[in-house]
Amino acid sequence: MPRSLVPSHPAPSGRGAPIGIVLVNLGTPAQPKPQAVRRFLREFLSDKRVVEAPALPWRVCLELCILPIRSRRSAAKYSQVWYPEGSPILVHTRAQADALQADLGEHFAVRAAMRYGEPSISAELDSLAQAGVSQVLILPMYPQFSGTTVATIYDAVAQHYRSRRDQPELRFVRSFPTDPNYIEALAQRIEATWAAASRPDFAAGDKLILSFHGIPQSMVRAGDPYHGECQATAAALRARLGLEEAQCLTTFQSKFGPSPWLEPATIDTVTAAGQAGAGRIDVVCPGFTADCLETLEEIDLLNREAFTQAGGGRFVRIPCLNAEKPWIASLSALVRRQTTDWIAAR
């Protein structure tokens, strides 16, 4: 072969190479500072699947109105929850990848990526290619499917491979809203908190709130399956915990913009509970697999304050799954099911 035609990167080593697994979460700014947050928000809010609005008017609004104000406000919020090791969502997602790698073993190569920000999906896919990986499973860290989340990952992966001549055998995990292992991991996370903090007195009116990230109602009317998958998760979790719907409420958080979003809103629910003199509410976020700004600041600070200032009693935030053993075991089982034939061919 002429020297000029020799590939500049290692050729895939085929079936002997490890199976690539890419855990993908939403993303994060590199630092809790306005400039870094502005770059992150620009990328995130410019995604047409995240904000469905006419491109030019939205770009003007984003650059002139939203980013100058929201970047400063969000940076202040990030500063309140930033870990010494970095952004919470990145720290936890990397810990999940490390734990999953240890559980799966040397026949797999696990990477952590962010849909927006760093480490990017493209960089991690290139890393796997350099390692000779020819089979890749994309595993979004969103148990419930939405066009605003999982579909954006499909877009990013497709965009990455548009410019690559050599491509791997590729698979995606679409969603797993009622996967028994996922539901069990959630239940054990809740029960572990109750073991340490006591169980709510549901007979006395205490509530467990399942707070999912919201999306605009218009997206659901247009066919997005997210709301239905959230309800399916809630039903499965209530059944596992032995709770009635009145004891275990489903709500939606993180509203953005003036259009109607999924309801009931978490902050309205906790405020009303406080005004009614509720003795205790526990809040868990089943749609978030790693603690992040939305759980550490919005739920544990903003919603806690709303509840207590309205007259409520005890507020308990149940941590996300993070790198807890039942969750890692759930991910491992999910990966092995998705790659059974790849494993058998080795």
Protein backbone atom coordinates (compact mmCIF):
# COMPACT_ATOMS: atom_id res chain seq x y z
CA MET A 1 0.00 0.00 0.00
CA PRO A 2 1.42 3.45 -0.85
CA ARG A 3 2.52 5.29 2.27
CA SER A 4 0.00 8.07 1.60
CA LEU A 5 -2.85 5.55 1.79
CA VAL A 6 -1.89 4.08 5.15
CA PRO A 7 -4.57 5.07 7.74
CA SER A 8 -3.37 7.62 10.27
CA HIS A 9 -5.27 5.86 13.06
CA PRO A 10 -5.35 2.26 14.24
CA ALA A 11 -7.66 0.06 12.19
CA PRO A 12 -10.49 -1.58 14.14
CA SER A 13 -9.38 -4.90 15.53
CA GLY A 14 -12.83 -6.45 15.05
CA ARG A 15 -14.38 -9.06 17.32
CA GLY A 16 -11.33 -9.27 19.56
CA ALA A 17 -11.70 -5.65 20.66
CA PRO A 18 -13.83 -4.69 23.66
CA ILE A 19 -17.44 -3.67 23.23
CA GLY A 20 -17.82 0.08 23.58
CA ILE A 21 -20.43 1.46 25.99
CA VAL A 22 -21.11 5.21 26.07
CA LEU A 23 -23.16 6.55 28.98
CA VAL A 24 -24.59 9.91 27.89
CA ASN A 25 -26.02 12.50 30.26
CA LEU A 26 -27.33 15.99 29.59
CA GLY A 27 -24.25 18.11 30.11
CA THR A 28 -22.65 20.82 32.17
CA PRO A 29 -20.66 24.01 31.98
CA ALA A 30 -16.94 23.56 32.55
CA GLN A 31 -16.99 26.01 35.46
CA PRO A 32 -19.64 27.68 37.63
CA LYS A 33 -18.88 31.04 36.03
CA PRO A 34 -21.08 33.19 33.77
CA GLN A 35 -18.89 32.86 30.66
CA ALA A 36 -18.72 29.07 30.90
CA VAL A 37 -22.43 28.81 31.69
CA ARG A 38 -23.21 31.06 28.73
CA ARG A 39 -21.34 28.73 26.34
CA PHE A 40 -23.16 25.72 27.76
CA LEU A 41 -26.60 27.34 27.63
CA ARG A 42 -26.03 28.59 24.08
CA GLU A 43 -25.32 25.04 22.90
CA PHE A 44 -28.18 23.54 24.90
CA LEU A 45 -30.86 26.11 24.06
CA SER A 46 -29.87 26.25 20.39
CA ASP A 47 -30.93 22.63 19.93
CA LYS A 48 -34.14 22.68 17.89
CA ARG A 49 -35.41 19.62 19.73
CA VAL A 50 -35.06 21.38 23.08
CA VAL A 51 -36.69 24.66 22.02
CA GLU A 52 -39.19 24.36 19.19
CA ALA A 53 -39.35 27.96 17.95
CA PRO A 54 -38.68 29.81 14.68
CA ALA A 55 -34.89 29.87 14.33
CA LEU A 56 -34.15 33.55 13.67
CA PRO A 57 -36.48 35.13 16.28
CA TRP A 58 -35.34 32.58 18.85
CA ARG A 59 -31.66 33.26 18.13
CA VAL A 60 -32.18 36.99 18.64
CA CYS A 61 -34.11 36.40 21.86
CA LEU A 62 -31.52 33.92 23.11
CA GLU A 63 -28.52 36.14 22.48
CA LEU A 64 -30.00 39.48 23.52
CA CYS A 65 -32.39 38.58 26.32
CA ILE A 66 -31.94 35.11 27.76
CA LEU A 67 -28.20 34.43 27.83
CA PRO A 68 -27.08 37.74 29.41
CA ILE A 69 -29.46 37.28 32.34
CA ARG A 70 -29.73 33.51 32.69
CA SER A 71 -25.95 32.93 32.49
CA ARG A 72 -25.34 35.02 35.61
CA ARG A 73 -28.26 33.54 37.50
CA SER A 74 -27.40 29.96 36.58
CA ALA A 75 -23.73 30.48 37.43
CA ALA A 76 -24.75 31.56 40.93
CA LYS A 77 -26.88 28.43 41.26
CA TYR A 78 -24.09 26.17 40.03
CA SER A 79 -21.74 27.75 42.55
CA GLN A 80 -24.05 26.63 45.35
CA VAL A 81 -23.84 22.95 44.42
CA TRP A 82 -20.44 22.62 42.67
CA TYR A 83 -18.29 19.80 44.06
CA PRO A 84 -14.56 20.14 44.78
CA GLU A 85 -14.03 17.58 41.97
CA GLY A 86 -16.17 19.51 39.50
CA SER A 87 -19.74 19.59 38.20
CA PRO A 88 -22.02 17.19 40.12
CA ILE A 89 -23.56 15.62 37.03
CA LEU A 90 -20.14 14.94 35.50
CA VAL A 91 -18.66 13.63 38.76
CA HIS A 92 -21.55 11.20 39.24
CA THR A 93 -21.71 10.09 35.59
CA ARG A 94 -17.99 9.36 35.56
CA ALA A 95 -18.38 7.41 38.80
CA GLN A 96 -21.17 5.41 37.17
CA ALA A 97 -18.97 4.68 34.15
CA ASP A 98 -16.08 3.58 36.39
CA ALA A 99 -18.33 1.34 38.48
CA LEU A 100 -19.96 -0.15 35.38
CA GLN A 101 -16.54 -0.79 33.85
CA ALA A 102 -15.48 -2.67 36.98
CA ASP A 103 -18.68 -4.72 36.94
CA LEU A 104 -18.60 -5.59 33.23
CA GLY A 105 -14.90 -6.36 33.03
CA GLU A 106 -12.23 -6.17 30.35
CA HIS A 107 -14.43 -7.24 27.43
CA PHE A 108 -16.12 -3.84 27.61
CA ALA A 109 -14.81 -0.29 27.30
CA VAL A 110 -17.10 2.14 29.14
CA ARG A 111 -17.04 5.89 28.52
CA ALA A 112 -18.96 8.82 30.03
CA ALA A 113 -20.09 11.62 27.71
CA MET A 114 -22.19 14.77 27.90
CA ARG A 115 -24.70 15.74 25.23
CA TYR A 116 -23.83 19.40 25.73
CA GLY A 117 -20.41 20.49 26.94
CA GLU A 118 -17.46 18.22 27.69
CA PRO A 119 -16.54 15.40 27.41
CA SER A 120 -18.47 15.39 24.16
CA ILE A 121 -20.11 12.38 22.53
CA SER A 122 -17.90 12.88 19.48
CA ALA A 123 -14.70 12.83 21.54
CA GLU A 124 -15.65 9.63 23.32
CA LEU A 125 -16.68 7.88 20.11
CA ASP A 126 -13.32 8.85 18.59
CA SER A 127 -11.60 7.51 21.71
CA LEU A 128 -13.31 4.16 21.24
CA ALA A 129 -12.34 4.10 17.55
CA GLN A 130 -8.71 4.73 18.48
CA ALA A 131 -8.95 1.78 20.88
CA GLY A 132 -10.03 -0.46 17.99
CA VAL A 133 -13.65 -0.80 19.11
CA SER A 134 -15.99 -1.90 16.30
CA GLN A 135 -19.21 -2.45 18.30
CA VAL A 136 -20.73 0.43 20.28
CA LEU A 137 -23.80 0.63 22.50
CA ILE A 138 -25.11 4.14 23.25
CA LEU A 139 -26.82 4.20 26.63
CA PRO A 140 -28.63 7.49 27.41
CA MET A 141 -28.95 8.17 31.11
CA TYR A 142 -32.63 9.04 30.64
CA PRO A 143 -34.97 6.22 31.70
CA GLN A 144 -37.92 7.90 29.95
CA PHE A 145 -37.76 8.77 26.24
CA SER A 146 -38.30 12.29 24.99
CA GLY A 147 -37.42 14.07 21.79
CA THR A 148 -35.77 16.72 24.00
CA THR A 149 -33.34 14.21 25.49
CA VAL A 150 -32.79 10.80 23.91
CA ALA A 151 -33.55 11.96 20.36
CA THR A 152 -30.94 14.70 20.67
CA ILE A 153 -28.37 12.00 21.44
CA TYR A 154 -29.39 10.14 18.28
CA ASP A 155 -28.84 13.40 16.40
CA ALA A 156 -25.39 13.95 17.88
CA VAL A 157 -24.25 10.40 17.13
CA ALA A 158 -25.53 10.62 13.56
CA GLN A 159 -23.80 13.97 13.09
CA HIS A 160 -20.55 12.51 14.38
CA TYR A 161 -20.53 9.63 11.91
CA ARG A 162 -21.46 11.81 8.93
CA SER A 163 -17.79 12.75 8.63
CA ARG A 164 -16.29 9.33 9.50
CA ARG A 165 -15.62 6.87 6.70
CA ASP A 166 -15.09 3.90 9.00
CA GLN A 167 -18.03 3.27 11.33
CA PRO A 168 -18.77 0.69 14.02
CA GLU A 169 -21.72 -1.61 14.47
CA LEU A 170 -23.99 0.67 16.46
CA ARG A 171 -26.89 0.18 18.87
CA PHE A 172 -28.97 2.45 21.09
CA VAL A 173 -30.94 1.91 24.28
CA ARG A 174 -34.14 3.86 23.65
CA SER A 175 -35.57 3.95 27.19
CA PHE A 176 -36.32 1.71 30.16
CA PRO A 177 -39.16 3.34 32.15
CA THR A 178 -40.46 0.13 33.73
CA ASP A 179 -37.36 -2.06 33.66
CA PRO A 180 -37.69 -4.18 36.82
CA ASN A 181 -34.05 -3.68 37.80
CA TYR A 182 -34.32 0.10 37.40
CA ILE A 183 -37.52 0.19 39.47
CA GLU A 184 -35.88 -1.99 42.12
CA ALA A 185 -32.82 0.28 42.25
CA LEU A 186 -35.12 3.29 42.75
CA ALA A 187 -37.08 1.50 45.46
CA GLN A 188 -33.93 0.50 47.30
CA ARG A 189 -32.60 4.06 47.11
CA ILE A 190 -35.84 5.33 48.65
CA GLU A 191 -35.94 2.62 51.30
CA ALA A 192 -32.30 3.25 52.24
CA THR A 193 -33.17 6.90 52.88
CA TRP A 194 -36.15 5.88 54.96
CA ALA A 195 -33.99 3.48 56.96
CA ALA A 196 -31.70 6.38 57.82
CA ALA A 197 -34.29 9.16 58.16
CA SER A 198 -37.37 7.15 59.26
CA ARG A 199 -40.29 6.21 57.02
CA PRO A 200 -42.93 8.86 56.27
CA ASP A 201 -46.18 8.51 58.18
CA PHE A 202 -48.48 8.13 55.20
CA ALA A 203 -51.48 7.53 57.47
CA ALA A 204 -50.90 11.01 58.92
CA GLY A 205 -50.78 12.60 55.48
CA ASP A 206 -47.08 12.53 54.65
CA LYS A 207 -46.34 12.33 50.92
CA LEU A 208 -43.71 10.90 48.59
CA ILE A 209 -43.35 13.12 45.52
CA LEU A 210 -41.93 11.76 42.28
CA SER A 211 -40.59 14.83 40.50
CA PHE A 212 -39.76 14.44 36.80
CA HIS A 213 -38.27 17.07 34.52
CA GLY A 214 -41.05 18.77 32.58
CA ILE A 215 -41.53 19.48 28.88
CA PRO A 216 -44.02 21.76 27.09
CA GLN A 217 -47.53 20.33 26.76
CA SER A 218 -47.39 21.15 23.05
CA MET A 219 -44.65 18.54 22.59
CA VAL A 220 -46.80 15.86 24.21
CA ARG A 221 -49.76 16.79 21.99
CA ALA A 222 -47.43 16.52 18.99
CA GLY A 223 -46.58 12.93 19.88
CA ASP A 224 -43.71 12.96 22.38
CA PRO A 225 -44.14 9.82 24.55
CA TYR A 226 -42.38 11.26 27.59
CA HIS A 227 -45.43 11.96 29.76
CA GLY A 228 -46.75 8.43 29.32
CA GLU A 229 -43.38 6.89 30.16
CA CYS A 230 -43.12 9.01 33.31
CA GLN A 231 -46.56 7.83 34.38
CA ALA A 232 -45.53 4.23 33.70
CA THR A 233 -42.45 4.62 35.91
CA ALA A 234 -44.54 6.18 38.66
CA ALA A 235 -47.10 3.36 38.55
CA ALA A 236 -44.41 0.67 38.68
CA LEU A 237 -42.61 2.37 41.57
CA ARG A 238 -45.82 2.87 43.55
CA ALA A 239 -46.63 -0.82 43.11
CA ARG A 240 -43.15 -1.83 44.29
CA LEU A 241 -43.39 0.41 47.36
CA GLY A 242 -46.98 -0.57 48.12
CA LEU A 243 -48.26 3.01 48.00
CA GLU A 244 -51.49 4.50 46.74
CA GLU A 245 -51.54 7.32 44.18
CA ALA A 246 -52.70 9.77 46.86
CA GLN A 247 -49.63 8.90 48.94
CA CYS A 248 -47.15 8.98 46.07
CA LEU A 249 -47.66 11.97 43.76
CA THR A 250 -46.25 12.58 40.28
CA THR A 251 -45.13 16.14 39.50
CA PHE A 252 -42.96 18.00 36.97
CA GLN A 253 -40.20 20.53 37.52
CA SER A 254 -37.86 22.94 35.70
CA LYS A 255 -40.40 24.92 33.66
CA PHE A 256 -38.80 27.28 31.15
CA GLY A 257 -40.59 29.97 29.17
CA PRO A 258 -44.21 31.18 29.10
CA SER A 259 -45.90 28.23 27.34
CA PRO A 260 -47.85 25.62 29.36
CA TRP A 261 -45.72 22.71 30.60
CA LEU A 262 -46.65 19.37 32.09
CA GLU A 263 -48.52 19.64 35.37
CA PRO A 264 -48.79 19.57 38.28
CA ALA A 265 -45.64 21.60 38.87
CA THR A 266 -43.43 20.32 41.68
CA ILE A 267 -42.96 23.73 43.27
CA ASP A 268 -46.72 24.42 43.23
CA THR A 269 -47.35 21.02 44.83
CA VAL A 270 -44.84 21.46 47.65
CA THR A 271 -46.05 25.03 48.29
CA ALA A 272 -49.65 23.85 48.54
CA ALA A 273 -48.57 21.05 50.87
CA GLY A 274 -46.82 23.57 53.10
CA GLN A 275 -49.86 25.86 53.15
CA ALA A 276 -51.97 22.86 54.17
CA GLY A 277 -49.64 22.26 57.12
CA ALA A 278 -48.11 19.00 55.86
CA GLY A 279 -45.84 17.46 58.45
CA ARG A 280 -43.44 15.89 55.95
CA ILE A 281 -42.85 15.42 52.25
CA ASP A 282 -40.13 13.34 50.61
CA VAL A 283 -39.03 14.16 47.07
CA VAL A 284 -37.24 11.82 44.67
CA CYS A 285 -36.42 12.46 41.00
CA PRO A 286 -36.78 9.17 39.06
CA GLY A 287 -35.94 10.75 35.68
CA PHE A 288 -32.54 11.95 36.88
CA THR A 289 -30.02 9.13 37.30
CA ALA A 290 -27.29 11.44 38.65
CA ASP A 291 -27.58 14.34 41.05
CA CYS A 292 -27.24 17.65 39.25
CA LEU A 293 -28.33 21.29 39.36
CA GLU A 294 -31.99 20.31 39.04
CA THR A 295 -31.88 18.02 42.08
CA LEU A 296 -29.30 19.71 44.29
CA GLU A 297 -30.38 23.33 43.78
CA GLU A 298 -33.92 23.31 42.40
CA ILE A 299 -35.27 20.55 44.63
CA ASP A 300 -33.05 20.59 47.72
CA LEU A 301 -32.79 24.38 48.01
CA LEU A 302 -35.59 26.13 46.08
CA ASN A 303 -38.40 23.62 46.67
CA ARG A 304 -37.32 22.98 50.26
CA GLU A 305 -37.53 26.71 50.95
CA ALA A 306 -40.92 26.97 49.25
CA PHE A 307 -42.31 24.15 51.39
CA THR A 308 -40.98 25.36 54.73
CA GLN A 309 -41.81 29.03 54.16
CA ALA A 310 -45.36 28.03 53.26
CA GLY A 311 -45.71 26.40 56.67
CA GLY A 312 -44.63 22.82 55.98
CA GLY A 313 -42.67 20.64 58.36
CA ARG A 314 -39.91 18.24 57.35
CA PHE A 315 -38.56 18.14 53.79
CA VAL A 316 -36.49 15.10 52.73
CA ARG A 317 -34.73 14.98 49.37
CA ILE A 318 -33.90 11.43 48.35
CA PRO A 319 -30.61 11.32 46.39
CA CYS A 320 -30.47 10.12 42.80
CA LEU A 321 -29.22 6.66 41.89
CA ASN A 322 -25.68 7.96 41.25
CA ALA A 323 -23.22 5.04 41.54
CA GLU A 324 -25.16 2.98 44.07
CA LYS A 325 -24.66 -0.77 43.67
CA PRO A 326 -28.27 -1.69 42.75
CA TRP A 327 -28.22 0.90 39.95
CA ILE A 328 -24.87 -0.26 38.60
CA ALA A 329 -26.17 -3.84 38.68
CA SER A 330 -29.24 -2.64 36.76
CA LEU A 331 -27.08 -0.94 34.12
CA SER A 332 -24.88 -4.01 33.84
CA ALA A 333 -27.88 -6.27 33.26
CA LEU A 334 -29.25 -3.83 30.68
CA VAL A 335 -25.93 -3.74 28.81
CA ARG A 336 -25.60 -7.52 28.81
CA ARG A 337 -29.13 -7.95 27.44
CA GLN A 338 -28.45 -5.48 24.65
CA THR A 339 -25.14 -7.11 23.71
CA THR A 340 -25.91 -10.81 24.21
CA ASP A 341 -25.13 -11.79 20.63
CA TRP A 342 -21.99 -9.64 20.53
CA ILE A 343 -20.74 -11.39 23.67
CA ALA A 344 -21.66 -14.85 22.34
CA ALA A 345 -19.70 -14.25 19.15
CA ARG A 346 -16.45 -13.73 21.03
